[in-house]
Amino acid sequence: MGLVEAFTTAWRKSFDYEGKATRAEFWWFYLANFIVTVVLFFIYTVASFNNVYILSPLISLYFFGQIFPSISISVRRVRDTGKRWTWVFIPLIPFVGGILWIILVCQPSDTYVQEDRFI
């Protein structure tokens, strides 16, 4: 799965918390999301220097809208590693949560997980 395909798949499955997301799909989505964020920030910075603030609501709309595919792909990635969906809250643990989250999403897929195990 490539960059564009992972990005469009994540947006298409924004409200689909069933199934799984591979490591490639997860990391390609976050790379594409980072690139879009940097480009939008650059556009916003250039526009604000020219006192053109018409783009602010559109950029805000993207930032709030990308929350849904991010949560969805995170839940599907955690399910792919063989854990319950509640593990998406691990980054909320102070100091070590972020490190544990990265370790978790870098785990290989658990091919022995039954599809209905986490319902």
N, C-alpha and C. Protein backbone atom coordinates (compact mmCIF):
# COMPACT_ATOMS: atom_id res chain seq x y z
N MET A 1 0.85 -1.16 0.00
CA MET A 1 0.00 0.00 0.00
C MET A 1 0.90 1.23 0.00
N GLY A 2 0.60 2.15 -0.89
CA GLY A 2 1.42 3.34 -1.02
C GLY A 2 0.87 4.52 -0.23
N LEU A 3 1.54 5.64 -0.37
CA LEU A 3 1.21 6.86 0.38
C LEU A 3 -0.20 7.35 0.08
N VAL A 4 -0.51 7.54 -1.18
CA VAL A 4 -1.81 8.09 -1.56
C VAL A 4 -2.93 7.10 -1.25
N GLU A 5 -2.69 5.83 -1.52
CA GLU A 5 -3.71 4.82 -1.27
C GLU A 5 -4.02 4.71 0.23
N ALA A 6 -2.98 4.75 1.07
CA ALA A 6 -3.20 4.68 2.52
C ALA A 6 -3.96 5.91 3.01
N PHE A 7 -3.63 7.08 2.47
CA PHE A 7 -4.30 8.32 2.88
C PHE A 7 -5.77 8.29 2.50
N THR A 8 -6.05 7.90 1.27
CA THR A 8 -7.45 7.87 0.83
C THR A 8 -8.24 6.75 1.52
N THR A 9 -7.60 5.63 1.79
CA THR A 9 -8.27 4.54 2.49
C THR A 9 -8.64 4.96 3.91
N ALA A 10 -7.73 5.64 4.58
CA ALA A 10 -8.01 6.09 5.95
C ALA A 10 -9.17 7.07 5.97
N TRP A 11 -9.23 7.98 4.99
CA TRP A 11 -10.34 8.93 4.94
C TRP A 11 -11.64 8.22 4.57
N ARG A 12 -11.56 7.24 3.71
CA ARG A 12 -12.75 6.50 3.32
C ARG A 12 -13.30 5.68 4.49
N LYS A 13 -12.41 5.18 5.34
CA LYS A 13 -12.81 4.37 6.49
C LYS A 13 -12.81 5.18 7.79
N SER A 14 -13.11 6.46 7.70
CA SER A 14 -13.05 7.34 8.86
C SER A 14 -13.94 6.89 10.02
N PHE A 15 -15.06 6.30 9.71
CA PHE A 15 -15.98 5.88 10.76
C PHE A 15 -16.13 4.37 10.82
N ASP A 16 -15.15 3.66 10.27
CA ASP A 16 -15.13 2.21 10.28
C ASP A 16 -14.09 1.73 11.28
N TYR A 17 -14.56 1.23 12.41
CA TYR A 17 -13.64 0.78 13.45
C TYR A 17 -13.48 -0.73 13.45
N GLU A 18 -14.09 -1.39 12.51
CA GLU A 18 -13.96 -2.84 12.37
C GLU A 18 -12.77 -3.15 11.47
N GLY A 19 -12.29 -4.35 11.57
CA GLY A 19 -11.19 -4.76 10.70
C GLY A 19 -9.84 -4.39 11.27
N LYS A 20 -8.87 -4.38 10.40
CA LYS A 20 -7.48 -4.16 10.82
C LYS A 20 -6.80 -3.19 9.87
N ALA A 21 -5.72 -2.60 10.35
CA ALA A 21 -4.87 -1.74 9.52
C ALA A 21 -3.43 -2.21 9.67
N THR A 22 -2.78 -2.46 8.57
CA THR A 22 -1.40 -2.94 8.62
C THR A 22 -0.46 -1.83 9.06
N ARG A 23 0.75 -2.23 9.38
CA ARG A 23 1.76 -1.22 9.74
C ARG A 23 1.98 -0.24 8.61
N ALA A 24 2.06 -0.76 7.39
CA ALA A 24 2.29 0.11 6.24
C ALA A 24 1.17 1.12 6.08
N GLU A 25 -0.07 0.68 6.17
CA GLU A 25 -1.21 1.58 6.04
C GLU A 25 -1.18 2.66 7.12
N PHE A 26 -0.88 2.26 8.35
CA PHE A 26 -0.84 3.19 9.47
C PHE A 26 0.24 4.25 9.28
N TRP A 27 1.46 3.81 9.01
CA TRP A 27 2.57 4.77 8.91
C TRP A 27 2.50 5.60 7.64
N TRP A 28 2.03 5.04 6.52
CA TRP A 28 1.86 5.84 5.31
C TRP A 28 0.82 6.93 5.53
N PHE A 29 -0.27 6.58 6.24
CA PHE A 29 -1.29 7.60 6.53
C PHE A 29 -0.70 8.73 7.36
N TYR A 30 0.04 8.38 8.41
CA TYR A 30 0.59 9.43 9.26
C TYR A 30 1.65 10.26 8.54
N LEU A 31 2.40 9.67 7.64
CA LEU A 31 3.34 10.45 6.84
C LEU A 31 2.60 11.40 5.92
N ALA A 32 1.58 10.92 5.24
CA ALA A 32 0.79 11.78 4.35
C ALA A 32 0.10 12.89 5.14
N ASN A 33 -0.43 12.56 6.31
CA ASN A 33 -1.08 13.55 7.15
C ASN A 33 -0.09 14.62 7.60
N PHE A 34 1.13 14.21 7.92
CA PHE A 34 2.17 15.16 8.31
C PHE A 34 2.52 16.08 7.14
N ILE A 35 2.64 15.52 5.95
CA ILE A 35 2.97 16.33 4.77
C ILE A 35 1.86 17.34 4.50
N VAL A 36 0.61 16.90 4.55
CA VAL A 36 -0.51 17.82 4.33
C VAL A 36 -0.52 18.90 5.39
N THR A 37 -0.25 18.55 6.64
CA THR A 37 -0.22 19.53 7.73
C THR A 37 0.87 20.57 7.50
N VAL A 38 2.05 20.13 7.10
CA VAL A 38 3.15 21.08 6.84
C VAL A 38 2.80 22.00 5.67
N VAL A 39 2.22 21.45 4.61
CA VAL A 39 1.84 22.27 3.46
C VAL A 39 0.77 23.28 3.86
N LEU A 40 -0.23 22.85 4.61
CA LEU A 40 -1.28 23.77 5.05
C LEU A 40 -0.74 24.84 5.99
N PHE A 41 0.19 24.47 6.86
CA PHE A 41 0.81 25.46 7.74
C PHE A 41 1.60 26.48 6.93
N PHE A 42 2.32 26.01 5.91
CA PHE A 42 3.07 26.91 5.04
C PHE A 42 2.13 27.86 4.31
N ILE A 43 1.04 27.34 3.77
CA ILE A 43 0.06 28.17 3.07
C ILE A 43 -0.54 29.19 4.03
N TYR A 44 -0.87 28.75 5.24
CA TYR A 44 -1.44 29.66 6.22
C TYR A 44 -0.45 30.77 6.59
N THR A 45 0.81 30.40 6.76
CA THR A 45 1.83 31.39 7.11
C THR A 45 2.00 32.42 6.00
N VAL A 46 2.09 31.98 4.77
CA VAL A 46 2.23 32.90 3.64
C VAL A 46 1.00 33.78 3.51
N ALA A 47 -0.17 33.19 3.66
CA ALA A 47 -1.41 33.96 3.54
C ALA A 47 -1.55 34.98 4.67
N SER A 48 -1.11 34.63 5.87
CA SER A 48 -1.25 35.57 6.99
C SER A 48 -0.28 36.74 6.85
N PHE A 49 0.86 36.53 6.21
CA PHE A 49 1.76 37.66 5.96
C PHE A 49 1.16 38.64 4.97
N ASN A 50 0.29 38.14 4.10
CA ASN A 50 -0.36 38.99 3.12
C ASN A 50 -1.76 39.43 3.58
N ASN A 51 -2.07 39.20 4.85
CA ASN A 51 -3.36 39.57 5.44
C ASN A 51 -4.55 38.94 4.72
N VAL A 52 -4.37 37.71 4.27
CA VAL A 52 -5.45 36.96 3.64
C VAL A 52 -5.85 35.87 4.63
N TYR A 53 -6.93 36.09 5.34
CA TYR A 53 -7.34 35.16 6.38
C TYR A 53 -8.53 34.30 5.96
N ILE A 54 -8.88 34.32 4.70
CA ILE A 54 -10.01 33.53 4.21
C ILE A 54 -9.74 32.03 4.30
N LEU A 55 -8.46 31.62 4.31
CA LEU A 55 -8.10 30.20 4.35
C LEU A 55 -8.16 29.63 5.76
N SER A 56 -8.22 30.45 6.78
CA SER A 56 -8.20 29.96 8.16
C SER A 56 -9.33 28.98 8.46
N PRO A 57 -10.59 29.27 8.08
CA PRO A 57 -11.64 28.29 8.36
C PRO A 57 -11.44 26.97 7.62
N LEU A 58 -10.92 27.02 6.40
CA LEU A 58 -10.70 25.79 5.65
C LEU A 58 -9.60 24.93 6.27
N ILE A 59 -8.55 25.59 6.72
CA ILE A 59 -7.46 24.86 7.36
C ILE A 59 -7.93 24.28 8.69
N SER A 60 -8.70 25.04 9.44
CA SER A 60 -9.25 24.54 10.70
C SER A 60 -10.17 23.35 10.46
N LEU A 61 -10.93 23.41 9.41
CA LEU A 61 -11.82 22.31 9.06
C LEU A 61 -11.02 21.02 8.81
N TYR A 62 -9.89 21.13 8.12
CA TYR A 62 -9.06 19.95 7.88
C TYR A 62 -8.50 19.42 9.21
N PHE A 63 -7.99 20.33 10.05
CA PHE A 63 -7.38 19.89 11.30
C PHE A 63 -8.38 19.19 12.20
N PHE A 64 -9.61 19.69 12.27
CA PHE A 64 -10.62 19.02 13.08
C PHE A 64 -11.15 17.77 12.38
N GLY A 65 -11.23 17.79 11.07
CA GLY A 65 -11.72 16.64 10.32
C GLY A 65 -10.78 15.45 10.34
N GLN A 66 -9.48 15.69 10.41
CA GLN A 66 -8.53 14.58 10.38
C GLN A 66 -8.48 13.81 11.69
N ILE A 67 -9.19 14.29 12.70
CA ILE A 67 -9.25 13.56 13.96
C ILE A 67 -9.94 12.21 13.76
N PHE A 68 -11.01 12.19 12.96
CA PHE A 68 -11.78 10.95 12.77
C PHE A 68 -11.00 9.85 12.07
N PRO A 69 -10.32 10.12 10.94
CA PRO A 69 -9.54 9.03 10.36
C PRO A 69 -8.35 8.62 11.22
N SER A 70 -7.79 9.57 11.97
CA SER A 70 -6.66 9.24 12.84
C SER A 70 -7.07 8.27 13.94
N ILE A 71 -8.20 8.53 14.57
CA ILE A 71 -8.68 7.63 15.62
C ILE A 71 -9.06 6.28 15.03
N SER A 72 -9.74 6.30 13.90
CA SER A 72 -10.17 5.06 13.28
C SER A 72 -8.99 4.17 12.90
N ILE A 73 -7.98 4.75 12.27
CA ILE A 73 -6.84 3.94 11.84
C ILE A 73 -6.03 3.47 13.05
N SER A 74 -6.02 4.25 14.12
CA SER A 74 -5.33 3.83 15.33
C SER A 74 -6.02 2.64 15.98
N VAL A 75 -7.34 2.68 16.04
CA VAL A 75 -8.10 1.56 16.60
C VAL A 75 -7.88 0.31 15.75
N ARG A 76 -7.94 0.46 14.44
CA ARG A 76 -7.74 -0.70 13.57
C ARG A 76 -6.32 -1.24 13.65
N ARG A 77 -5.33 -0.34 13.84
CA ARG A 77 -3.94 -0.79 13.97
C ARG A 77 -3.73 -1.56 15.27
N VAL A 78 -4.32 -1.07 16.35
CA VAL A 78 -4.20 -1.75 17.64
C VAL A 78 -4.85 -3.13 17.56
N ARG A 79 -5.99 -3.20 16.89
CA ARG A 79 -6.66 -4.50 16.73
C ARG A 79 -5.80 -5.45 15.90
N ASP A 80 -5.05 -4.91 14.95
CA ASP A 80 -4.19 -5.73 14.10
C ASP A 80 -3.04 -6.34 14.90
N THR A 81 -2.61 -5.66 15.95
CA THR A 81 -1.51 -6.18 16.77
C THR A 81 -1.99 -7.22 17.78
N GLY A 82 -3.32 -7.41 17.85
CA GLY A 82 -3.85 -8.42 18.76
C GLY A 82 -4.31 -7.87 20.09
N LYS A 83 -4.38 -6.57 20.22
CA LYS A 83 -4.82 -5.94 21.46
C LYS A 83 -6.26 -5.45 21.32
N ARG A 84 -6.88 -5.12 22.46
CA ARG A 84 -8.22 -4.55 22.45
C ARG A 84 -8.13 -3.08 22.04
N TRP A 85 -9.26 -2.54 21.55
CA TRP A 85 -9.29 -1.16 21.07
C TRP A 85 -8.99 -0.16 22.19
N THR A 86 -9.18 -0.53 23.45
CA THR A 86 -8.96 0.39 24.55
C THR A 86 -7.48 0.77 24.72
N TRP A 87 -6.62 0.05 24.04
CA TRP A 87 -5.19 0.38 24.10
C TRP A 87 -4.87 1.70 23.41
N VAL A 88 -5.83 2.28 22.68
CA VAL A 88 -5.57 3.58 22.04
C VAL A 88 -5.41 4.69 23.08
N PHE A 89 -5.79 4.42 24.33
CA PHE A 89 -5.66 5.41 25.39
C PHE A 89 -4.28 5.39 26.06
N ILE A 90 -3.42 4.48 25.66
CA ILE A 90 -2.11 4.37 26.29
C ILE A 90 -1.25 5.64 26.16
N PRO A 91 -1.38 6.44 25.09
CA PRO A 91 -0.58 7.66 25.04
C PRO A 91 -0.96 8.69 26.12
N LEU A 92 -2.07 8.50 26.78
CA LEU A 92 -2.48 9.43 27.83
C LEU A 92 -1.72 9.24 29.13
N ILE A 93 -0.97 8.15 29.24
CA ILE A 93 -0.15 7.92 30.43
C ILE A 93 1.02 8.90 30.39
N PRO A 94 1.19 9.69 31.45
CA PRO A 94 2.28 10.68 31.45
C PRO A 94 3.65 10.02 31.32
N PHE A 95 4.51 10.69 30.59
CA PHE A 95 5.92 10.36 30.42
C PHE A 95 6.18 9.12 29.56
N VAL A 96 5.58 8.00 29.85
CA VAL A 96 5.91 6.77 29.13
C VAL A 96 4.86 6.37 28.10
N GLY A 97 3.70 7.01 28.11
CA GLY A 97 2.62 6.62 27.22
C GLY A 97 2.97 6.72 25.75
N GLY A 98 3.64 7.79 25.36
CA GLY A 98 4.02 7.96 23.97
C GLY A 98 5.00 6.91 23.50
N ILE A 99 5.94 6.57 24.35
CA ILE A 99 6.93 5.54 24.01
C ILE A 99 6.25 4.18 23.87
N LEU A 100 5.35 3.88 24.83
CA LEU A 100 4.63 2.61 24.76
C LEU A 100 3.73 2.55 23.52
N TRP A 101 3.16 3.69 23.12
CA TRP A 101 2.31 3.73 21.93
C TRP A 101 3.12 3.41 20.68
N ILE A 102 4.29 4.01 20.56
CA ILE A 102 5.13 3.75 19.38
C ILE A 102 5.56 2.28 19.34
N ILE A 103 5.91 1.74 20.49
CA ILE A 103 6.27 0.32 20.54
C ILE A 103 5.07 -0.53 20.12
N LEU A 104 3.88 -0.17 20.58
CA LEU A 104 2.68 -0.94 20.25
C LEU A 104 2.37 -0.92 18.76
N VAL A 105 2.37 0.26 18.14
CA VAL A 105 1.99 0.33 16.73
C VAL A 105 3.09 -0.19 15.80
N CYS A 106 4.29 -0.37 16.33
CA CYS A 106 5.37 -0.94 15.52
C CYS A 106 5.39 -2.47 15.57
N GLN A 107 4.54 -3.07 16.38
CA GLN A 107 4.48 -4.52 16.48
C GLN A 107 3.99 -5.12 15.17
N PRO A 108 4.44 -6.32 14.83
CA PRO A 108 3.93 -6.97 13.63
C PRO A 108 2.47 -7.39 13.81
N SER A 109 1.84 -7.66 12.70
CA SER A 109 0.44 -8.09 12.73
C SER A 109 0.33 -9.44 13.43
N ASP A 110 -0.73 -9.58 14.19
CA ASP A 110 -1.01 -10.85 14.85
C ASP A 110 -1.91 -11.65 13.94
N THR A 111 -1.34 -12.58 13.21
CA THR A 111 -2.10 -13.34 12.21
C THR A 111 -3.00 -14.38 12.84
N TYR A 112 -2.83 -14.65 14.12
CA TYR A 112 -3.63 -15.68 14.77
C TYR A 112 -4.85 -15.12 15.48
N VAL A 113 -5.08 -13.82 15.35
CA VAL A 113 -6.23 -13.19 16.00
C VAL A 113 -7.49 -13.49 15.20
N GLN A 114 -8.50 -13.96 15.89
CA GLN A 114 -9.78 -14.20 15.24
C GLN A 114 -10.50 -12.85 15.06
N GLU A 115 -11.23 -12.72 13.99
CA GLU A 115 -11.90 -11.45 13.69
C GLU A 115 -12.90 -11.04 14.76
N ASP A 116 -13.60 -12.00 15.37
CA ASP A 116 -14.64 -11.65 16.33
C ASP A 116 -14.15 -11.65 17.77
N ARG A 117 -12.88 -11.70 17.98
CA ARG A 117 -12.31 -11.81 19.32
C ARG A 117 -12.57 -10.56 20.15
N PHE A 118 -12.59 -9.40 19.53
CA PHE A 118 -12.66 -8.14 20.29
C PHE A 118 -14.01 -7.47 20.21
N ILE A 119 -15.03 -8.19 19.90
CA ILE A 119 -16.36 -7.59 19.82
C ILE A 119 -16.97 -7.47 21.19
